[in-house]
Amino acid sequence: MVGLITYRDIIKVRVQPNSNKDSYGRLRVAAAVGVTLDALDQSRCSCKAGVDAIVVDTAHGHTEGVVNTLKVIKKNTQI
């Protein structure tokens, strides 16, 4: 199977045709990175690939490692 389209999907497209699409009509895409040593490299590669958002995937968002990872990614990438 490549994909699945339901009747409900067709109704949603008719009601909100531009929902979650960028200015080129493409679906928006996000990439998740962990709090690891290669988070910056993963973020840069994802940005080059054309993602619309970077998400830091963690169970404990208040930790120092998460805050530092966010600062480094924000400072060194353009989204």
PDB file of N, CA and C in Angstrom:
ATOM      1  N   MET A   1       0.843  -1.165   0.000  1.00  0.00           N
ATOM      2  CA  MET A   1       0.000   0.000   0.000  1.00  0.00           C
ATOM      3  C   MET A   1       0.897   1.241   0.000  1.00  0.00           C
ATOM      4  N   VAL A   2       0.560   2.198  -0.832  1.00  0.00           N
ATOM      5  CA  VAL A   2       1.295   3.451  -0.901  1.00  0.00           C
ATOM      6  C   VAL A   2       0.611   4.513  -0.064  1.00  0.00           C
ATOM      7  N   GLY A   3      -0.698   4.502  -0.026  1.00  0.00           N
ATOM      8  CA  GLY A   3      -1.436   5.496   0.731  1.00  0.00           C
ATOM      9  C   GLY A   3      -2.884   5.081   0.896  1.00  0.00           C
ATOM     10  N   LEU A   4      -3.600   5.839   1.695  1.00  0.00           N
ATOM     11  CA  LEU A   4      -5.005   5.555   1.945  1.00  0.00           C
ATOM     12  C   LEU A   4      -5.749   6.880   2.015  1.00  0.00           C
ATOM     13  N   ILE A   5      -6.756   7.032   1.187  1.00  0.00           N
ATOM     14  CA  ILE A   5      -7.577   8.233   1.195  1.00  0.00           C
ATOM     15  C   ILE A   5      -8.999   7.803   1.523  1.00  0.00           C
ATOM     16  N   THR A   6      -9.573   8.461   2.529  1.00  0.00           N
ATOM     17  CA  THR A   6     -10.934   8.129   2.942  1.00  0.00           C
ATOM     18  C   THR A   6     -11.894   9.247   2.525  1.00  0.00           C
ATOM     19  N   TYR A   7     -13.165   8.964   2.617  1.00  0.00           N
ATOM     20  CA  TYR A   7     -14.187   9.966   2.317  1.00  0.00           C
ATOM     21  C   TYR A   7     -14.002  11.192   3.213  1.00  0.00           C
ATOM     22  N   ARG A   8     -13.673  10.954   4.452  1.00  0.00           N
ATOM     23  CA  ARG A   8     -13.464  12.054   5.397  1.00  0.00           C
ATOM     24  C   ARG A   8     -12.287  12.933   4.968  1.00  0.00           C
ATOM     25  N   ASP A   9     -11.233  12.336   4.424  1.00  0.00           N
ATOM     26  CA  ASP A   9     -10.100  13.105   3.911  1.00  0.00           C
ATOM     27  C   ASP A   9     -10.538  14.035   2.780  1.00  0.00           C
ATOM     28  N   ILE A  10     -11.377  13.537   1.901  1.00  0.00           N
ATOM     29  CA  ILE A  10     -11.862  14.343   0.777  1.00  0.00           C
ATOM     30  C   ILE A  10     -12.685  15.523   1.279  1.00  0.00           C
ATOM     31  N   ILE A  11     -13.525  15.291   2.265  1.00  0.00           N
ATOM     32  CA  ILE A  11     -14.329  16.373   2.851  1.00  0.00           C
ATOM     33  C   ILE A  11     -13.422  17.425   3.479  1.00  0.00           C
ATOM     34  N   LYS A  12     -12.409  17.001   4.216  1.00  0.00           N
ATOM     35  CA  LYS A  12     -11.483  17.944   4.853  1.00  0.00           C
ATOM     36  C   LYS A  12     -10.782  18.813   3.820  1.00  0.00           C
ATOM     37  N   VAL A  13     -10.372  18.224   2.715  1.00  0.00           N
ATOM     38  CA  VAL A  13      -9.680  18.981   1.665  1.00  0.00           C
ATOM     39  C   VAL A  13     -10.613  20.005   1.036  1.00  0.00           C
ATOM     40  N   ARG A  14     -11.868  19.658   0.895  1.00  0.00           N
ATOM     41  CA  ARG A  14     -12.833  20.607   0.327  1.00  0.00           C
ATOM     42  C   ARG A  14     -13.121  21.760   1.282  1.00  0.00           C
ATOM     43  N   VAL A  15     -13.212  21.474   2.575  1.00  0.00           N
ATOM     44  CA  VAL A  15     -13.539  22.500   3.563  1.00  0.00           C
ATOM     45  C   VAL A  15     -12.345  23.418   3.811  1.00  0.00           C
ATOM     46  N   GLN A  16     -11.159  22.852   3.942  1.00  0.00           N
ATOM     47  CA  GLN A  16      -9.942  23.628   4.210  1.00  0.00           C
ATOM     48  C   GLN A  16      -8.841  23.185   3.245  1.00  0.00           C
ATOM     49  N   PRO A  17      -8.868  23.665   2.010  1.00  0.00           N
ATOM     50  CA  PRO A  17      -7.930  23.172   1.000  1.00  0.00           C
ATOM     51  C   PRO A  17      -6.465  23.513   1.275  1.00  0.00           C
ATOM     52  N   ASN A  18      -6.201  24.569   2.014  1.00  0.00           N
ATOM     53  CA  ASN A  18      -4.814  24.965   2.272  1.00  0.00           C
ATOM     54  C   ASN A  18      -4.341  24.620   3.674  1.00  0.00           C
ATOM     55  N   SER A  19      -5.091  23.808   4.370  1.00  0.00           N
ATOM     56  CA  SER A  19      -4.723  23.430   5.724  1.00  0.00           C
ATOM     57  C   SER A  19      -3.384  22.713   5.744  1.00  0.00           C
ATOM     58  N   ASN A  20      -2.460  23.209   6.540  1.00  0.00           N
ATOM     59  CA  ASN A  20      -1.144  22.600   6.749  1.00  0.00           C
ATOM     60  C   ASN A  20      -0.309  22.510   5.469  1.00  0.00           C
ATOM     61  N   LYS A  21      -0.443  23.503   4.597  1.00  0.00           N
ATOM     62  CA  LYS A  21       0.362  23.547   3.376  1.00  0.00           C
ATOM     63  C   LYS A  21       1.184  24.826   3.359  1.00  0.00           C
ATOM     64  N   ASP A  22       2.358  24.756   2.741  1.00  0.00           N
ATOM     65  CA  ASP A  22       3.205  25.937   2.637  1.00  0.00           C
ATOM     66  C   ASP A  22       2.782  26.786   1.437  1.00  0.00           C
ATOM     67  N   SER A  23       3.542  27.837   1.150  1.00  0.00           N
ATOM     68  CA  SER A  23       3.186  28.751   0.068  1.00  0.00           C
ATOM     69  C   SER A  23       3.285  28.109  -1.316  1.00  0.00           C
ATOM     70  N   TYR A  24       3.928  26.941  -1.409  1.00  0.00           N
ATOM     71  CA  TYR A  24       4.025  26.214  -2.676  1.00  0.00           C
ATOM     72  C   TYR A  24       2.958  25.127  -2.806  1.00  0.00           C
ATOM     73  N   GLY A  25       2.091  25.003  -1.810  1.00  0.00           N
ATOM     74  CA  GLY A  25       1.042  23.996  -1.839  1.00  0.00           C
ATOM     75  C   GLY A  25       1.474  22.625  -1.346  1.00  0.00           C
ATOM     76  N   ARG A  26       2.686  22.544  -0.794  1.00  0.00           N
ATOM     77  CA  ARG A  26       3.191  21.263  -0.288  1.00  0.00           C
ATOM     78  C   ARG A  26       2.815  21.107   1.182  1.00  0.00           C
ATOM     79  N   LEU A  27       2.651  19.865   1.621  1.00  0.00           N
ATOM     80  CA  LEU A  27       2.393  19.620   3.038  1.00  0.00           C
ATOM     81  C   LEU A  27       3.591  20.054   3.868  1.00  0.00           C
ATOM     82  N   ARG A  28       3.322  20.633   5.023  1.00  0.00           N
ATOM     83  CA  ARG A  28       4.404  21.027   5.926  1.00  0.00           C
ATOM     84  C   ARG A  28       5.002  19.779   6.568  1.00  0.00           C
ATOM     85  N   VAL A  29       6.315  19.845   6.829  1.00  0.00           N
ATOM     86  CA  VAL A  29       7.044  18.695   7.360  1.00  0.00           C
ATOM     87  C   VAL A  29       7.912  19.157   8.523  1.00  0.00           C
ATOM     88  N   ALA A  30       7.958  18.363   9.581  1.00  0.00           N
ATOM     89  CA  ALA A  30       8.827  18.637  10.722  1.00  0.00           C
ATOM     90  C   ALA A  30       9.782  17.464  10.902  1.00  0.00           C
ATOM     91  N   ALA A  31      10.924  17.749  11.523  1.00  0.00           N
ATOM     92  CA  ALA A  31      11.900  16.704  11.831  1.00  0.00           C
ATOM     93  C   ALA A  31      12.169  16.726  13.330  1.00  0.00           C
ATOM     94  N   ALA A  32      12.256  15.555  13.918  1.00  0.00           N
ATOM     95  CA  ALA A  32      12.535  15.446  15.345  1.00  0.00           C
ATOM     96  C   ALA A  32      13.999  15.103  15.559  1.00  0.00           C
ATOM     97  N   VAL A  33      14.619  15.792  16.518  1.00  0.00           N
ATOM     98  CA  VAL A  33      15.992  15.484  16.917  1.00  0.00           C
ATOM     99  C   VAL A  33      15.996  15.238  18.416  1.00  0.00           C
ATOM    100  N   GLY A  34      16.911  14.423  18.860  1.00  0.00           N
ATOM    101  CA  GLY A  34      17.038  14.145  20.283  1.00  0.00           C
ATOM    102  C   GLY A  34      18.060  15.063  20.922  1.00  0.00           C
ATOM    103  N   VAL A  35      18.212  14.935  22.207  1.00  0.00           N
ATOM    104  CA  VAL A  35      19.213  15.703  22.943  1.00  0.00           C
ATOM    105  C   VAL A  35      20.497  14.876  22.925  1.00  0.00           C
ATOM    106  N   THR A  36      21.170  14.903  21.779  1.00  0.00           N
ATOM    107  CA  THR A  36      22.376  14.111  21.561  1.00  0.00           C
ATOM    108  C   THR A  36      23.470  14.993  20.992  1.00  0.00           C
ATOM    109  N   LEU A  37      24.662  14.440  20.881  1.00  0.00           N
ATOM    110  CA  LEU A  37      25.787  15.210  20.355  1.00  0.00           C
ATOM    111  C   LEU A  37      25.602  15.597  18.892  1.00  0.00           C
ATOM    112  N   ASP A  38      24.840  14.821  18.141  1.00  0.00           N
ATOM    113  CA  ASP A  38      24.658  15.129  16.724  1.00  0.00           C
ATOM    114  C   ASP A  38      23.352  15.874  16.425  1.00  0.00           C
ATOM    115  N   ALA A  39      22.722  16.452  17.429  1.00  0.00           N
ATOM    116  CA  ALA A  39      21.455  17.163  17.232  1.00  0.00           C
ATOM    117  C   ALA A  39      21.618  18.336  16.271  1.00  0.00           C
ATOM    118  N   LEU A  40      22.725  19.068  16.372  1.00  0.00           N
ATOM    119  CA  LEU A  40      22.944  20.204  15.478  1.00  0.00           C
ATOM    120  C   LEU A  40      23.132  19.732  14.038  1.00  0.00           C
ATOM    121  N   ASP A  41      23.919  18.683  13.841  1.00  0.00           N
ATOM    122  CA  ASP A  41      24.113  18.147  12.488  1.00  0.00           C
ATOM    123  C   ASP A  41      22.795  17.646  11.901  1.00  0.00           C
ATOM    124  N   GLN A  42      22.011  16.957  12.714  1.00  0.00           N
ATOM    125  CA  GLN A  42      20.706  16.476  12.243  1.00  0.00           C
ATOM    126  C   GLN A  42      19.800  17.646  11.869  1.00  0.00           C
ATOM    127  N   SER A  43      19.842  18.696  12.665  1.00  0.00           N
ATOM    128  CA  SER A  43      19.020  19.876  12.392  1.00  0.00           C
ATOM    129  C   SER A  43      19.445  20.549  11.097  1.00  0.00           C
ATOM    130  N   ARG A  44      20.737  20.697  10.908  1.00  0.00           N
ATOM    131  CA  ARG A  44      21.240  21.321   9.676  1.00  0.00           C
ATOM    132  C   ARG A  44      20.863  20.502   8.450  1.00  0.00           C
ATOM    133  N   CYS A  45      21.033  19.194   8.519  1.00  0.00           N
ATOM    134  CA  CYS A  45      20.674  18.321   7.390  1.00  0.00           C
ATOM    135  C   CYS A  45      19.178  18.398   7.102  1.00  0.00           C
ATOM    136  N   SER A  46      18.396  18.444   8.148  1.00  0.00           N
ATOM    137  CA  SER A  46      16.947  18.535   7.969  1.00  0.00           C
ATOM    138  C   SER A  46      16.556  19.863   7.326  1.00  0.00           C
ATOM    139  N   CYS A  47      17.216  20.938   7.740  1.00  0.00           N
ATOM    140  CA  CYS A  47      16.940  22.250   7.145  1.00  0.00           C
ATOM    141  C   CYS A  47      17.305  22.260   5.668  1.00  0.00           C
ATOM    142  N   LYS A  48      18.446  21.671   5.337  1.00  0.00           N
ATOM    143  CA  LYS A  48      18.856  21.592   3.930  1.00  0.00           C
ATOM    144  C   LYS A  48      17.858  20.779   3.110  1.00  0.00           C
ATOM    145  N   ALA A  49      17.241  19.789   3.732  1.00  0.00           N
ATOM    146  CA  ALA A  49      16.254  18.952   3.046  1.00  0.00           C
ATOM    147  C   ALA A  49      14.913  19.669   2.879  1.00  0.00           C
ATOM    148  N   GLY A  50      14.741  20.795   3.590  1.00  0.00           N
ATOM    149  CA  GLY A  50      13.538  21.598   3.401  1.00  0.00           C
ATOM    150  C   GLY A  50      12.442  21.453   4.432  1.00  0.00           C
ATOM    151  N   VAL A  51      12.775  21.008   5.643  1.00  0.00           N
ATOM    152  CA  VAL A  51      11.730  20.892   6.662  1.00  0.00           C
ATOM    153  C   VAL A  51      11.220  22.270   7.066  1.00  0.00           C
ATOM    154  N   ASP A  52      10.011  22.300   7.590  1.00  0.00           N
ATOM    155  CA  ASP A  52       9.396  23.544   8.028  1.00  0.00           C
ATOM    156  C   ASP A  52       9.603  23.804   9.515  1.00  0.00           C
ATOM    157  N   ALA A  53       9.939  22.762  10.274  1.00  0.00           N
ATOM    158  CA  ALA A  53      10.117  22.904  11.719  1.00  0.00           C
ATOM    159  C   ALA A  53      11.046  21.818  12.247  1.00  0.00           C
ATOM    160  N   ILE A  54      11.749  22.158  13.317  1.00  0.00           N
ATOM    161  CA  ILE A  54      12.580  21.198  14.049  1.00  0.00           C
ATOM    162  C   ILE A  54      11.939  21.011  15.419  1.00  0.00           C
ATOM    163  N   VAL A  55      11.785  19.769  15.832  1.00  0.00           N
ATOM    164  CA  VAL A  55      11.201  19.447  17.132  1.00  0.00           C
ATOM    165  C   VAL A  55      12.245  18.709  17.953  1.00  0.00           C
ATOM    166  N   VAL A  56      12.493  19.188  19.171  1.00  0.00           N
ATOM    167  CA  VAL A  56      13.413  18.489  20.066  1.00  0.00           C
ATOM    168  C   VAL A  56      12.594  17.463  20.840  1.00  0.00           C
ATOM    169  N   ASP A  57      12.895  16.207  20.606  1.00  0.00           N
ATOM    170  CA  ASP A  57      12.135  15.090  21.170  1.00  0.00           C
ATOM    171  C   ASP A  57      12.743  14.690  22.509  1.00  0.00           C
ATOM    172  N   THR A  58      12.002  14.924  23.573  1.00  0.00           N
ATOM    173  CA  THR A  58      12.501  14.616  24.909  1.00  0.00           C
ATOM    174  C   THR A  58      11.334  14.357  25.861  1.00  0.00           C
ATOM    175  N   ALA A  59      11.609  13.614  26.895  1.00  0.00           N
ATOM    176  CA  ALA A  59      10.591  13.348  27.906  1.00  0.00           C
ATOM    177  C   ALA A  59      10.605  14.402  29.008  1.00  0.00           C
ATOM    178  N   HIS A  60      11.718  15.118  29.133  1.00  0.00           N
ATOM    179  CA  HIS A  60      11.869  16.088  30.221  1.00  0.00           C
ATOM    180  C   HIS A  60      12.318  17.425  29.644  1.00  0.00           C
ATOM    181  N   GLY A  61      11.362  18.236  29.192  1.00  0.00           N
ATOM    182  CA  GLY A  61      11.657  19.489  28.516  1.00  0.00           C
ATOM    183  C   GLY A  61      12.297  20.556  29.375  1.00  0.00           C
ATOM    184  N   HIS A  62      12.284  20.400  30.667  1.00  0.00           N
ATOM    185  CA  HIS A  62      12.812  21.428  31.554  1.00  0.00           C
ATOM    186  C   HIS A  62      14.291  21.218  31.905  1.00  0.00           C
ATOM    187  N   THR A  63      14.918  20.171  31.409  1.00  0.00           N
ATOM    188  CA  THR A  63      16.297  19.887  31.800  1.00  0.00           C
ATOM    189  C   THR A  63      17.275  20.818  31.096  1.00  0.00           C
ATOM    190  N   GLU A  64      18.433  20.973  31.683  1.00  0.00           N
ATOM    191  CA  GLU A  64      19.463  21.864  31.144  1.00  0.00           C
ATOM    192  C   GLU A  64      19.927  21.413  29.760  1.00  0.00           C
ATOM    193  N   GLY A  65      20.019  20.112  29.546  1.00  0.00           N
ATOM    194  CA  GLY A  65      20.443  19.598  28.246  1.00  0.00           C
ATOM    195  C   GLY A  65      19.488  19.994  27.127  1.00  0.00           C
ATOM    196  N   VAL A  66      18.200  19.957  27.401  1.00  0.00           N
ATOM    197  CA  VAL A  66      17.200  20.341  26.404  1.00  0.00           C
ATOM    198  C   VAL A  66      17.294  21.831  26.111  1.00  0.00           C
ATOM    199  N   VAL A  67      17.401  22.631  27.147  1.00  0.00           N
ATOM    200  CA  VAL A  67      17.502  24.080  26.977  1.00  0.00           C
ATOM    201  C   VAL A  67      18.746  24.429  26.169  1.00  0.00           C
ATOM    202  N   ASN A  68      19.871  23.813  26.489  1.00  0.00           N
ATOM    203  CA  ASN A  68      21.108  24.085  25.752  1.00  0.00           C
ATOM    204  C   ASN A  68      21.008  23.632  24.299  1.00  0.00           C
ATOM    205  N   THR A  69      20.406  22.476  24.066  1.00  0.00           N
ATOM    206  CA  THR A  69      20.228  21.983  22.698  1.00  0.00           C
ATOM    207  C   THR A  69      19.371  22.949  21.892  1.00  0.00           C
ATOM    208  N   LEU A  70      18.296  23.436  22.483  1.00  0.00           N
ATOM    209  CA  LEU A  70      17.442  24.407  21.802  1.00  0.00           C
ATOM    210  C   LEU A  70      18.205  25.674  21.445  1.00  0.00           C
ATOM    211  N   LYS A  71      19.008  26.172  22.375  1.00  0.00           N
ATOM    212  CA  LYS A  71      19.786  27.388  22.122  1.00  0.00           C
ATOM    213  C   LYS A  71      20.763  27.193  20.971  1.00  0.00           C
ATOM    214  N   VAL A  72      21.456  26.063  20.955  1.00  0.00           N
ATOM    215  CA  VAL A  72      22.437  25.788  19.898  1.00  0.00           C
ATOM    216  C   VAL A  72      21.746  25.664  18.541  1.00  0.00           C
ATOM    217  N   ILE A  73      20.643  24.943  18.495  1.00  0.00           N
ATOM    218  CA  ILE A  73      19.922  24.769  17.228  1.00  0.00           C
ATOM    219  C   ILE A  73      19.382  26.108  16.733  1.00  0.00           C
ATOM    220  N   LYS A  74      18.799  26.877  17.626  1.00  0.00           N
ATOM    221  CA  LYS A  74      18.224  28.165  17.237  1.00  0.00           C
ATOM    222  C   LYS A  74      19.292  29.122  16.722  1.00  0.00           C
ATOM    223  N   LYS A  75      20.453  29.093  17.351  1.00  0.00           N
ATOM    224  CA  LYS A  75      21.544  29.995  16.964  1.00  0.00           C
ATOM    225  C   LYS A  75      22.172  29.596  15.625  1.00  0.00           C
ATOM    226  N   ASN A  76      22.202  28.310  15.319  1.00  0.00           N
ATOM    227  CA  ASN A  76      22.978  27.823  14.174  1.00  0.00           C
ATOM    228  C   ASN A  76      22.170  27.314  12.984  1.00  0.00           C
ATOM    229  N   THR A  77      20.854  27.442  13.013  1.00  0.00           N
ATOM    230  CA  THR A  77      20.044  26.996  11.873  1.00  0.00           C
ATOM    231  C   THR A  77      19.066  28.089  11.472  1.00  0.00           C
ATOM    232  N   GLN A  78      18.605  28.007  10.246  1.00  0.00           N
ATOM    233  CA  GLN A  78      17.613  28.953   9.733  1.00  0.00           C
ATOM    234  C   GLN A  78      16.369  28.187   9.310  1.00  0.00           C
ATOM    235  N   ILE A  79      15.282  28.448   9.976  1.00  0.00           N
ATOM    236  CA  ILE A  79      13.999  27.856   9.558  1.00  0.00           C
ATOM    237  C   ILE A  79      13.029  28.989   9.358  1.00  0.00           C
TER     238      ILE A  79
END
